[in-house]
Amino acid sequence: MTATHAVFHTIALVVRQNTDGIAEPVRSLVDFLQQGGYQVVFEEQTAAHLDLRFDDVQVMDAAAIGASCDAAIVMGGDGTMLGIARQLAPFDVPLIGINQGRLGFMTDIPLEGMLDVLARILSGSYKAERRTLLEGSVLRNDVSIHVGMAVNDVVVSRGTGAGMAELRVEVDGQFMYNQRSDGLIISTATGSTAYALSAGGPLLHPSLGGIVLVPIAPHALSNRPIVLPESSEIVVEIMRGRDVSVNFDMQTFASLQTQDRIVIRRSPHTISFLHPDGWSYYHTLREKLHWNEYPSGEGKLN
């Protein structure tokens, strides 16, 4: 939906670490926000690595940002957005992404011209989009040893050089299959354009909210991707395999043993992205997946 009445007072700034040439864009962004009357907050890791000093800019951790900020501007790639999105999800702080990475499905505002776009968004002219997340718990002897949250995906995979893993999968208490493969991707609609896509999974429009299961290099070619209702509870049990692990958005990991079980369900938390007014998901797909490009001389009308 398009909003024209939002009011923002305190804005957090999260910047990807070790980014060449980022100091000047950050400085111009902070000046822009302060001149507009906004209170600016640096996320603590951003403040530590930027080595920039500004008057009246506070430094906060994610929990403090969640408690006191009206929005967070993320300068970086999708990895930077994933990291802060999981931390801020419980606080429902909307996120605005400025692309300083390579692909940028979630950080969709170009660095060039960002101030004009931000001026429109912060004045209330934007398109808000809400995304679902997954949460998972690793159970060993029925005791939780690791919990995680994922914006994109939960991935169970074998170690490098190890043989295939054998996984037993249940959905809502019903046996689905035993699978021998390099692993299994359990993905949100948001993650359907990430690892799941490269492994042969389908694209899901974010509004669908389904959960995608995508085998990684399955032994049986009949093991195909499947889309489950977002209300599903998925249990993956490690039946056999060496050096098997589970990761959440490729950013938090746990090593697994035989008979460990990973219980995955939709998180009660969601995240909200604020896009420029007129933003289109299909335009993003065309741009990022190069759907609008043809080999020389093909696909053109005479």
C-alpha atoms as a PDB file:
ATOM      1  CA  MET A   1       0.000   0.000   0.000  1.00  0.00           C
ATOM      2  CA  THR A   2       1.083   3.617  -0.479  1.00  0.00           C
ATOM      3  CA  ALA A   3       1.254   5.755   2.643  1.00  0.00           C
ATOM      4  CA  THR A   4       1.165   9.553   2.716  1.00  0.00           C
ATOM      5  CA  HIS A   5       0.858  10.184   6.439  1.00  0.00           C
ATOM      6  CA  ALA A   6       3.869   8.480   8.056  1.00  0.00           C
ATOM      7  CA  VAL A   7       5.978  10.514  10.470  1.00  0.00           C
ATOM      8  CA  PHE A   8       9.632   9.656  11.097  1.00  0.00           C
ATOM      9  CA  HIS A   9      11.708  11.270  13.827  1.00  0.00           C
ATOM     10  CA  THR A  10      14.660   9.004  14.630  1.00  0.00           C
ATOM     11  CA  ILE A  11      16.505   7.168  11.849  1.00  0.00           C
ATOM     12  CA  ALA A  12      19.120   4.456  12.359  1.00  0.00           C
ATOM     13  CA  LEU A  13      21.934   4.008   9.862  1.00  0.00           C
ATOM     14  CA  VAL A  14      23.485   0.587   9.196  1.00  0.00           C
ATOM     15  CA  VAL A  15      26.447   0.408   6.794  1.00  0.00           C
ATOM     16  CA  ARG A  16      28.264  -2.593   5.365  1.00  0.00           C
ATOM     17  CA  GLN A  17      31.725  -2.967   6.810  1.00  0.00           C
ATOM     18  CA  ASN A  18      34.954  -2.619   4.814  1.00  0.00           C
ATOM     19  CA  THR A  19      33.345  -0.826   1.877  1.00  0.00           C
ATOM     20  CA  ASP A  20      35.757   1.311  -0.143  1.00  0.00           C
ATOM     21  CA  GLY A  21      34.619   4.868  -0.740  1.00  0.00           C
ATOM     22  CA  ILE A  22      31.630   4.679   1.604  1.00  0.00           C
ATOM     23  CA  ALA A  23      32.670   7.536   3.909  1.00  0.00           C
ATOM     24  CA  GLU A  24      31.571  10.347   1.610  1.00  0.00           C
ATOM     25  CA  PRO A  25      28.086   8.910   0.846  1.00  0.00           C
ATOM     26  CA  VAL A  26      27.574   8.307   4.574  1.00  0.00           C
ATOM     27  CA  ARG A  27      28.625  11.850   5.391  1.00  0.00           C
ATOM     28  CA  SER A  28      26.243  13.291   2.802  1.00  0.00           C
ATOM     29  CA  LEU A  29      23.411  11.084   4.095  1.00  0.00           C
ATOM     30  CA  VAL A  30      23.944  12.120   7.715  1.00  0.00           C
ATOM     31  CA  ASP A  31      24.081  15.802   6.714  1.00  0.00           C
ATOM     32  CA  PHE A  32      20.891  15.375   4.683  1.00  0.00           C
ATOM     33  CA  LEU A  33      19.040  13.731   7.574  1.00  0.00           C
ATOM     34  CA  GLN A  34      20.200  16.220  10.191  1.00  0.00           C
ATOM     35  CA  GLN A  35      19.321  19.186   7.991  1.00  0.00           C
ATOM     36  CA  GLY A  36      15.889  17.636   7.583  1.00  0.00           C
ATOM     37  CA  GLY A  37      15.414  17.635  11.341  1.00  0.00           C
ATOM     38  CA  TYR A  38      15.813  13.897  11.896  1.00  0.00           C
ATOM     39  CA  GLN A  39      17.685  12.417  14.840  1.00  0.00           C
ATOM     40  CA  VAL A  40      20.390  10.113  13.447  1.00  0.00           C
ATOM     41  CA  VAL A  41      21.608   6.951  15.174  1.00  0.00           C
ATOM     42  CA  PHE A  42      24.547   4.760  14.156  1.00  0.00           C
ATOM     43  CA  GLU A  43      24.290   1.021  14.671  1.00  0.00           C
ATOM     44  CA  GLU A  44      27.210   0.130  16.933  1.00  0.00           C
ATOM     45  CA  GLN A  45      29.236  -1.935  14.427  1.00  0.00           C
ATOM     46  CA  THR A  46      28.750   0.776  11.818  1.00  0.00           C
ATOM     47  CA  ALA A  47      30.125   3.369  14.224  1.00  0.00           C
ATOM     48  CA  ALA A  48      33.092   1.151  15.091  1.00  0.00           C
ATOM     49  CA  HIS A  49      34.322   0.602  11.542  1.00  0.00           C
ATOM     50  CA  LEU A  50      33.431   3.899   9.836  1.00  0.00           C
ATOM     51  CA  ASP A  51      35.744   6.082  11.935  1.00  0.00           C
ATOM     52  CA  LEU A  52      33.578   9.125  11.201  1.00  0.00           C
ATOM     53  CA  ARG A  53      32.597  11.665  13.814  1.00  0.00           C
ATOM     54  CA  PHE A  54      29.383  13.667  13.784  1.00  0.00           C
ATOM     55  CA  ASP A  55      27.708  15.973  16.267  1.00  0.00           C
ATOM     56  CA  ASP A  56      24.486  14.719  17.865  1.00  0.00           C
ATOM     57  CA  VAL A  57      24.737  11.193  16.421  1.00  0.00           C
ATOM     58  CA  GLN A  58      24.116   8.479  19.000  1.00  0.00           C
ATOM     59  CA  VAL A  59      25.432   4.913  18.842  1.00  0.00           C
ATOM     60  CA  MET A  60      23.057   2.052  19.671  1.00  0.00           C
ATOM     61  CA  ASP A  61      22.897  -1.713  19.473  1.00  0.00           C
ATOM     62  CA  ALA A  62      20.072  -3.446  17.596  1.00  0.00           C
ATOM     63  CA  ALA A  63      17.831  -3.757  20.658  1.00  0.00           C
ATOM     64  CA  ALA A  64      18.104  -0.042  21.426  1.00  0.00           C
ATOM     65  CA  ILE A  65      17.455   0.817  17.782  1.00  0.00           C
ATOM     66  CA  GLY A  66      14.371  -1.375  17.875  1.00  0.00           C
ATOM     67  CA  ALA A  67      13.099   0.387  20.971  1.00  0.00           C
ATOM     68  CA  SER A  68      13.682   3.968  19.853  1.00  0.00           C
ATOM     69  CA  CYS A  69      13.988   4.328  16.059  1.00  0.00           C
ATOM     70  CA  ASP A  70      11.196   4.874  13.541  1.00  0.00           C
ATOM     71  CA  ALA A  71      13.101   3.411  10.583  1.00  0.00           C
ATOM     72  CA  ALA A  72      16.516   2.033   9.639  1.00  0.00           C
ATOM     73  CA  ILE A  73      18.417   2.898   6.479  1.00  0.00           C
ATOM     74  CA  VAL A  74      20.713   0.077   5.368  1.00  0.00           C
ATOM     75  CA  MET A  75      23.638   0.901   3.063  1.00  0.00           C
ATOM     76  CA  GLY A  76      25.176  -2.261   1.651  1.00  0.00           C
ATOM     77  CA  GLY A  77      24.106  -5.452  -0.067  1.00  0.00           C
ATOM     78  CA  ASP A  78      21.457  -7.994   0.749  1.00  0.00           C
ATOM     79  CA  GLY A  79      23.790  -9.674   3.251  1.00  0.00           C
ATOM     80  CA  THR A  80      23.916  -6.493   5.325  1.00  0.00           C
ATOM     81  CA  MET A  81      20.136  -6.235   5.133  1.00  0.00           C
ATOM     82  CA  LEU A  82      19.670  -9.868   6.196  1.00  0.00           C
ATOM     83  CA  GLY A  83      21.867  -9.410   9.248  1.00  0.00           C
ATOM     84  CA  ILE A  84      20.058  -6.373  10.640  1.00  0.00           C
ATOM     85  CA  ALA A  85      16.582  -7.485   9.507  1.00  0.00           C
ATOM     86  CA  ARG A  86      16.692 -10.576  11.724  1.00  0.00           C
ATOM     87  CA  GLN A  87      17.741  -8.475  14.706  1.00  0.00           C
ATOM     88  CA  LEU A  88      15.081  -5.809  14.200  1.00  0.00           C
ATOM     89  CA  ALA A  89      12.203  -8.129  13.247  1.00  0.00           C
ATOM     90  CA  PRO A  90      10.882  -8.393  16.831  1.00  0.00           C
ATOM     91  CA  PHE A  91      10.609  -4.586  16.978  1.00  0.00           C
ATOM     92  CA  ASP A  92       8.811  -3.996  13.646  1.00  0.00           C
ATOM     93  CA  VAL A  93      11.191  -1.245  12.545  1.00  0.00           C
ATOM     94  CA  PRO A  94      10.733  -0.585   8.792  1.00  0.00           C
ATOM     95  CA  LEU A  95      13.835  -0.946   6.624  1.00  0.00           C
ATOM     96  CA  ILE A  96      15.024   1.172   3.693  1.00  0.00           C
ATOM     97  CA  GLY A  97      17.754  -0.346   1.528  1.00  0.00           C
ATOM     98  CA  ILE A  98      20.429   1.568  -0.401  1.00  0.00           C
ATOM     99  CA  ASN A  99      22.365  -0.728  -2.693  1.00  0.00           C
ATOM    100  CA  GLN A 100      26.109  -0.733  -2.099  1.00  0.00           C
ATOM    101  CA  GLY A 101      26.467  -4.397  -3.060  1.00  0.00           C
ATOM    102  CA  ARG A 102      26.230  -6.391  -6.260  1.00  0.00           C
ATOM    103  CA  LEU A 103      22.705  -7.757  -6.693  1.00  0.00           C
ATOM    104  CA  GLY A 104      20.432  -5.943  -4.276  1.00  0.00           C
ATOM    105  CA  PHE A 105      17.016  -7.618  -4.242  1.00  0.00           C
ATOM    106  CA  MET A 106      16.291  -6.042  -0.837  1.00  0.00           C
ATOM    107  CA  THR A 107      18.603  -3.023  -0.994  1.00  0.00           C
ATOM    108  CA  ASP A 108      16.948  -1.557  -4.045  1.00  0.00           C
ATOM    109  CA  ILE A 109      17.699   2.199  -3.996  1.00  0.00           C
ATOM    110  CA  PRO A 110      20.739   3.110  -6.137  1.00  0.00           C
ATOM    111  CA  LEU A 111      23.495   4.997  -4.336  1.00  0.00           C
ATOM    112  CA  GLU A 112      23.399   7.619  -7.069  1.00  0.00           C
ATOM    113  CA  GLY A 113      20.399   9.847  -6.465  1.00  0.00           C
ATOM    114  CA  MET A 114      19.613   8.282  -3.079  1.00  0.00           C
ATOM    115  CA  LEU A 115      18.910  11.602  -1.336  1.00  0.00           C
ATOM    116  CA  ASP A 116      16.046  12.535  -3.656  1.00  0.00           C
ATOM    117  CA  VAL A 117      14.488   9.099  -3.214  1.00  0.00           C
ATOM    118  CA  LEU A 118      14.912   9.200   0.576  1.00  0.00           C
ATOM    119  CA  ALA A 119      13.347  12.647   0.732  1.00  0.00           C
ATOM    120  CA  ARG A 120      10.190  11.267  -0.875  1.00  0.00           C
ATOM    121  CA  ILE A 121      10.102   8.156   1.302  1.00  0.00           C
ATOM    122  CA  LEU A 122      10.633  10.028   4.559  1.00  0.00           C
ATOM    123  CA  SER A 123       7.944  12.543   3.602  1.00  0.00           C
ATOM    124  CA  GLY A 124       5.503   9.615   3.464  1.00  0.00           C
ATOM    125  CA  SER A 125       5.474   8.775  -0.246  1.00  0.00           C
ATOM    126  CA  TYR A 126       6.482   5.115  -0.303  1.00  0.00           C
ATOM    127  CA  LYS A 127       5.277   1.580  -0.868  1.00  0.00           C
ATOM    128  CA  ALA A 128       5.417  -0.646   2.226  1.00  0.00           C
ATOM    129  CA  GLU A 129       5.958  -4.370   1.751  1.00  0.00           C
ATOM    130  CA  ARG A 130       5.805  -6.913   4.559  1.00  0.00           C
ATOM    131  CA  ARG A 131       7.801 -10.168   4.430  1.00  0.00           C
ATOM    132  CA  THR A 132       7.542 -13.327   6.522  1.00  0.00           C
ATOM    133  CA  LEU A 133      10.482 -15.049   8.252  1.00  0.00           C
ATOM    134  CA  LEU A 134      11.287 -18.564   9.378  1.00  0.00           C
ATOM    135  CA  GLU A 135      12.438 -19.667  12.803  1.00  0.00           C
ATOM    136  CA  GLY A 136      14.134 -22.936  13.630  1.00  0.00           C
ATOM    137  CA  SER A 137      15.330 -24.923  16.604  1.00  0.00           C
ATOM    138  CA  VAL A 138      17.927 -27.713  16.614  1.00  0.00           C
ATOM    139  CA  LEU A 139      16.909 -30.516  18.991  1.00  0.00           C
ATOM    140  CA  ARG A 140      19.399 -33.048  20.326  1.00  0.00           C
ATOM    141  CA  ASN A 141      17.820 -35.687  22.565  1.00  0.00           C
ATOM    142  CA  ASP A 142      14.733 -33.420  22.632  1.00  0.00           C
ATOM    143  CA  VAL A 143      16.758 -30.541  24.082  1.00  0.00           C
ATOM    144  CA  SER A 144      17.139 -27.335  22.061  1.00  0.00           C
ATOM    145  CA  ILE A 145      20.831 -26.624  21.438  1.00  0.00           C
ATOM    146  CA  HIS A 146      20.509 -23.839  18.864  1.00  0.00           C
ATOM    147  CA  VAL A 147      17.795 -21.476  17.661  1.00  0.00           C
ATOM    148  CA  GLY A 148      17.829 -19.181  14.677  1.00  0.00           C
ATOM    149  CA  MET A 149      15.746 -16.921  12.483  1.00  0.00           C
ATOM    150  CA  ALA A 150      15.932 -16.576   8.704  1.00  0.00           C
ATOM    151  CA  VAL A 151      14.729 -13.950   6.257  1.00  0.00           C
ATOM    152  CA  ASN A 152      15.860 -16.025   3.258  1.00  0.00           C
ATOM    153  CA  ASP A 153      16.372 -19.650   4.179  1.00  0.00           C
ATOM    154  CA  VAL A 154      17.354 -22.405   6.548  1.00  0.00           C
ATOM    155  CA  VAL A 155      19.858 -24.750   4.870  1.00  0.00           C
ATOM    156  CA  VAL A 156      20.858 -28.235   6.001  1.00  0.00           C
ATOM    157  CA  SER A 157      23.965 -29.342   4.115  1.00  0.00           C
ATOM    158  CA  ARG A 158      26.848 -31.797   4.135  1.00  0.00           C
ATOM    159  CA  GLY A 159      30.441 -30.745   4.643  1.00  0.00           C
ATOM    160  CA  THR A 160      32.947 -30.312   1.837  1.00  0.00           C
ATOM    161  CA  GLY A 161      34.404 -33.690   0.911  1.00  0.00           C
ATOM    162  CA  ALA A 162      31.765 -35.619   2.863  1.00  0.00           C
ATOM    163  CA  GLY A 163      29.388 -38.068   1.241  1.00  0.00           C
ATOM    164  CA  MET A 164      25.696 -37.511   0.749  1.00  0.00           C
ATOM    165  CA  ALA A 165      23.529 -36.821   3.762  1.00  0.00           C
ATOM    166  CA  GLU A 166      20.394 -38.825   4.423  1.00  0.00           C
ATOM    167  CA  LEU A 167      17.550 -36.700   5.735  1.00  0.00           C
ATOM    168  CA  ARG A 168      14.102 -37.653   6.991  1.00  0.00           C
ATOM    169  CA  VAL A 169      11.479 -34.963   6.450  1.00  0.00           C
ATOM    170  CA  GLU A 170       8.115 -34.615   8.188  1.00  0.00           C
ATOM    171  CA  VAL A 171       5.502 -31.927   7.555  1.00  0.00           C
ATOM    172  CA  ASP A 172       2.848 -31.271  10.195  1.00  0.00           C
ATOM    173  CA  GLY A 173       3.581 -34.612  11.813  1.00  0.00           C
ATOM    174  CA  GLN A 174       3.240 -36.553   8.553  1.00  0.00           C
ATOM    175  CA  PHE A 175       6.144 -38.393   6.951  1.00  0.00           C
ATOM    176  CA  MET A 176       7.101 -36.828   3.604  1.00  0.00           C
ATOM    177  CA  TYR A 177      10.256 -38.674   2.477  1.00  0.00           C
ATOM    178  CA  ASN A 178      13.756 -39.881   3.173  1.00  0.00           C
ATOM    179  CA  GLN A 179      16.159 -38.031   0.955  1.00  0.00           C
ATOM    180  CA  ARG A 180      19.785 -38.653   0.030  1.00  0.00           C
ATOM    181  CA  SER A 181      21.323 -35.434  -1.219  1.00  0.00           C
ATOM    182  CA  ASP A 182      23.896 -32.739  -0.579  1.00  0.00           C
ATOM    183  CA  GLY A 183      21.309 -31.005   1.578  1.00  0.00           C
ATOM    184  CA  LEU A 184      17.942 -29.309   1.753  1.00  0.00           C
ATOM    185  CA  ILE A 185      16.931 -25.646   1.487  1.00  0.00           C
ATOM    186  CA  ILE A 186      13.873 -24.488   3.406  1.00  0.00           C
ATOM    187  CA  SER A 187      13.108 -21.066   1.993  1.00  0.00           C
ATOM    188  CA  THR A 188      10.732 -18.149   2.434  1.00  0.00           C
ATOM    189  CA  ALA A 189       9.244 -16.379  -0.562  1.00  0.00           C
ATOM    190  CA  THR A 190      11.937 -13.734  -0.062  1.00  0.00           C
ATOM    191  CA  GLY A 191      14.625 -16.421  -0.251  1.00  0.00           C
ATOM    192  CA  SER A 192      13.145 -17.906  -3.418  1.00  0.00           C
ATOM    193  CA  THR A 193      15.367 -15.501  -5.407  1.00  0.00           C
ATOM    194  CA  ALA A 194      18.494 -16.565  -3.490  1.00  0.00           C
ATOM    195  CA  TYR A 195      20.094 -20.001  -2.930  1.00  0.00           C
ATOM    196  CA  ALA A 196      16.797 -21.788  -3.571  1.00  0.00           C
ATOM    197  CA  LEU A 197      16.655 -20.342  -7.081  1.00  0.00           C
ATOM    198  CA  SER A 198      20.213 -21.415  -7.904  1.00  0.00           C
ATOM    199  CA  ALA A 199      19.345 -24.957  -6.758  1.00  0.00           C
ATOM    200  CA  GLY A 200      16.382 -25.127  -9.146  1.00  0.00           C
ATOM    201  CA  GLY A 201      13.571 -23.895  -6.926  1.00  0.00           C
ATOM    202  CA  PRO A 202      10.597 -21.787  -8.072  1.00  0.00           C
ATOM    203  CA  LEU A 203      10.129 -18.058  -7.695  1.00  0.00           C
ATOM    204  CA  LEU A 204       7.441 -17.113  -5.179  1.00  0.00           C
ATOM    205  CA  HIS A 205       5.830 -13.708  -5.084  1.00  0.00           C
ATOM    206  CA  PRO A 206       6.455 -12.301  -1.576  1.00  0.00           C
ATOM    207  CA  SER A 207       2.740 -11.897  -0.884  1.00  0.00           C
ATOM    208  CA  LEU A 208       2.218 -15.670  -1.138  1.00  0.00           C
ATOM    209  CA  GLY A 209       4.066 -16.417   2.094  1.00  0.00           C
ATOM    210  CA  GLY A 210       4.592 -20.095   1.267  1.00  0.00           C
ATOM    211  CA  ILE A 211       7.565 -22.197   2.348  1.00  0.00           C
ATOM    212  CA  VAL A 212       9.701 -23.822  -0.342  1.00  0.00           C
ATOM    213  CA  LEU A 213      11.630 -27.075   0.093  1.00  0.00           C
ATOM    214  CA  VAL A 214      14.424 -27.438  -2.457  1.00  0.00           C
ATOM    215  CA  PRO A 215      16.738 -30.497  -2.441  1.00  0.00           C
ATOM    216  CA  ILE A 216      20.408 -29.789  -3.171  1.00  0.00           C
ATOM    217  CA  ALA A 217      21.751 -32.251  -5.768  1.00  0.00           C
ATOM    218  CA  PRO A 218      19.409 -35.110  -4.763  1.00  0.00           C
ATOM    219  CA  HIS A 219      20.428 -38.698  -5.492  1.00  0.00           C
ATOM    220  CA  ALA A 220      16.956 -39.447  -6.889  1.00  0.00           C
ATOM    221  CA  LEU A 221      15.908 -37.093  -9.678  1.00  0.00           C
ATOM    222  CA  SER A 222      12.310 -37.574  -8.554  1.00  0.00           C
ATOM    223  CA  ASN A 223      13.030 -35.454  -5.449  1.00  0.00           C
ATOM    224  CA  ARG A 224      11.679 -32.150  -6.711  1.00  0.00           C
ATOM    225  CA  PRO A 225      11.055 -28.767  -5.075  1.00  0.00           C
ATOM    226  CA  ILE A 226       7.702 -28.364  -3.349  1.00  0.00           C
ATOM    227  CA  VAL A 227       5.842 -25.331  -2.022  1.00  0.00           C
ATOM    228  CA  LEU A 228       4.131 -25.822   1.343  1.00  0.00           C
ATOM    229  CA  PRO A 229       1.554 -23.694   3.152  1.00  0.00           C
ATOM    230  CA  GLU A 230       3.136 -21.030   5.347  1.00  0.00           C
ATOM    231  CA  SER A 231       1.422 -22.596   8.365  1.00  0.00           C
ATOM    232  CA  SER A 232       3.474 -25.811   7.988  1.00  0.00           C
ATOM    233  CA  GLU A 233       5.809 -27.154  10.658  1.00  0.00           C
ATOM    234  CA  ILE A 234       8.752 -28.928   9.035  1.00  0.00           C
ATOM    235  CA  VAL A 235      10.996 -31.386  10.857  1.00  0.00           C
ATOM    236  CA  VAL A 236      14.281 -32.477   9.271  1.00  0.00           C
ATOM    237  CA  GLU A 237      16.057 -35.364  11.011  1.00  0.00           C
ATOM    238  CA  ILE A 238      19.663 -36.313  10.287  1.00  0.00           C
ATOM    239  CA  MET A 239      19.613 -40.039   9.568  1.00  0.00           C
ATOM    240  CA  ARG A 240      23.149 -40.385   8.231  1.00  0.00           C
ATOM    241  CA  GLY A 241      26.011 -38.136   7.137  1.00  0.00           C
ATOM    242  CA  ARG A 242      29.340 -36.587   8.096  1.00  0.00           C
ATOM    243  CA  ASP A 243      30.021 -32.916   8.806  1.00  0.00           C
ATOM    244  CA  VAL A 244      26.360 -31.975   8.410  1.00  0.00           C
ATOM    245  CA  SER A 245      25.404 -28.464   9.515  1.00  0.00           C
ATOM    246  CA  VAL A 246      22.447 -26.112   9.490  1.00  0.00           C
ATOM    247  CA  ASN A 247      22.681 -22.405   8.752  1.00  0.00           C
ATOM    248  CA  PHE A 248      20.245 -19.524   8.919  1.00  0.00           C
ATOM    249  CA  ASP A 249      20.692 -17.025   6.065  1.00  0.00           C
ATOM    250  CA  MET A 250      24.284 -18.313   5.782  1.00  0.00           C
ATOM    251  CA  GLN A 251      25.091 -16.185   8.836  1.00  0.00           C
ATOM    252  CA  THR A 252      24.520 -18.362  11.905  1.00  0.00           C
ATOM    253  CA  PHE A 253      25.520 -22.033  12.004  1.00  0.00           C
ATOM    254  CA  ALA A 254      25.205 -25.189  14.092  1.00  0.00           C
ATOM    255  CA  SER A 255      27.021 -28.505  13.623  1.00  0.00           C
ATOM    256  CA  LEU A 256      24.711 -31.518  13.570  1.00  0.00           C
ATOM    257  CA  GLN A 257      24.887 -35.140  14.639  1.00  0.00           C
ATOM    258  CA  THR A 258      22.927 -38.221  13.621  1.00  0.00           C
ATOM    259  CA  GLN A 259      19.378 -38.107  15.014  1.00  0.00           C
ATOM    260  CA  ASP A 260      19.472 -34.338  15.541  1.00  0.00           C
ATOM    261  CA  ARG A 261      16.183 -32.777  14.473  1.00  0.00           C
ATOM    262  CA  ILE A 262      15.614 -29.292  13.088  1.00  0.00           C
ATOM    263  CA  VAL A 263      12.107 -27.960  13.665  1.00  0.00           C
ATOM    264  CA  ILE A 264      11.228 -25.100  11.302  1.00  0.00           C
ATOM    265  CA  ARG A 265       8.114 -22.951  11.177  1.00  0.00           C
ATOM    266  CA  ARG A 266       7.028 -19.472  10.207  1.00  0.00           C
ATOM    267  CA  SER A 267       8.210 -16.850  12.678  1.00  0.00           C
ATOM    268  CA  PRO A 268       5.575 -14.722  14.429  1.00  0.00           C
ATOM    269  CA  HIS A 269       7.708 -11.722  13.451  1.00  0.00           C
ATOM    270  CA  THR A 270       7.729 -10.028  10.063  1.00  0.00           C
ATOM    271  CA  ILE A 271       9.863  -7.342   8.464  1.00  0.00           C
ATOM    272  CA  SER A 272       8.698  -4.346   6.471  1.00  0.00           C
ATOM    273  CA  PHE A 273      10.576  -2.826   3.542  1.00  0.00           C
ATOM    274  CA  LEU A 274       9.865   0.732   2.427  1.00  0.00           C
ATOM    275  CA  HIS A 275      10.269   1.129  -1.325  1.00  0.00           C
ATOM    276  CA  PRO A 276      10.061   4.261  -3.471  1.00  0.00           C
ATOM    277  CA  ASP A 277       6.510   5.015  -4.542  1.00  0.00           C
ATOM    278  CA  GLY A 278       5.903   3.246  -7.849  1.00  0.00           C
ATOM    279  CA  TRP A 279       8.269   0.388  -6.992  1.00  0.00           C
ATOM    280  CA  SER A 280       7.425  -2.903  -8.711  1.00  0.00           C
ATOM    281  CA  TYR A 281       8.515  -6.421  -7.718  1.00  0.00           C
ATOM    282  CA  TYR A 282       8.384  -7.411 -11.376  1.00  0.00           C
ATOM    283  CA  HIS A 283      10.679  -4.554 -12.340  1.00  0.00           C
ATOM    284  CA  THR A 284      13.132  -5.817  -9.718  1.00  0.00           C
ATOM    285  CA  LEU A 285      13.012  -9.317 -11.232  1.00  0.00           C
ATOM    286  CA  ARG A 286      13.552  -7.961 -14.733  1.00  0.00           C
ATOM    287  CA  GLU A 287      16.492  -5.867 -13.599  1.00  0.00           C
ATOM    288  CA  LYS A 288      18.225  -8.391 -11.337  1.00  0.00           C
ATOM    289  CA  LEU A 289      17.551 -11.540 -13.393  1.00  0.00           C
ATOM    290  CA  HIS A 290      18.044  -9.798 -16.756  1.00  0.00           C
ATOM    291  CA  TRP A 291      14.680 -10.905 -18.096  1.00  0.00           C
ATOM    292  CA  ASN A 292      14.665  -7.899 -20.409  1.00  0.00           C
ATOM    293  CA  GLU A 293      17.854  -8.881 -22.224  1.00  0.00           C
ATOM    294  CA  TYR A 294      18.000 -10.848 -25.449  1.00  0.00           C
ATOM    295  CA  PRO A 295      20.882 -12.379 -27.388  1.00  0.00           C
ATOM    296  CA  SER A 296      21.944 -10.140 -30.229  1.00  0.00           C
ATOM    297  CA  GLY A 297      19.269 -10.005 -32.921  1.00  0.00           C
ATOM    298  CA  GLU A 298      16.718 -12.091 -30.992  1.00  0.00           C
ATOM    299  CA  GLY A 299      13.440 -11.147 -29.347  1.00  0.00           C
ATOM    300  CA  LYS A 300      13.083  -7.864 -31.232  1.00  0.00           C
ATOM    301  CA  LEU A 301      10.028  -6.706 -33.112  1.00  0.00           C
ATOM    302  CA  ASN A 302      10.474  -5.577 -36.686  1.00  0.00           C
END
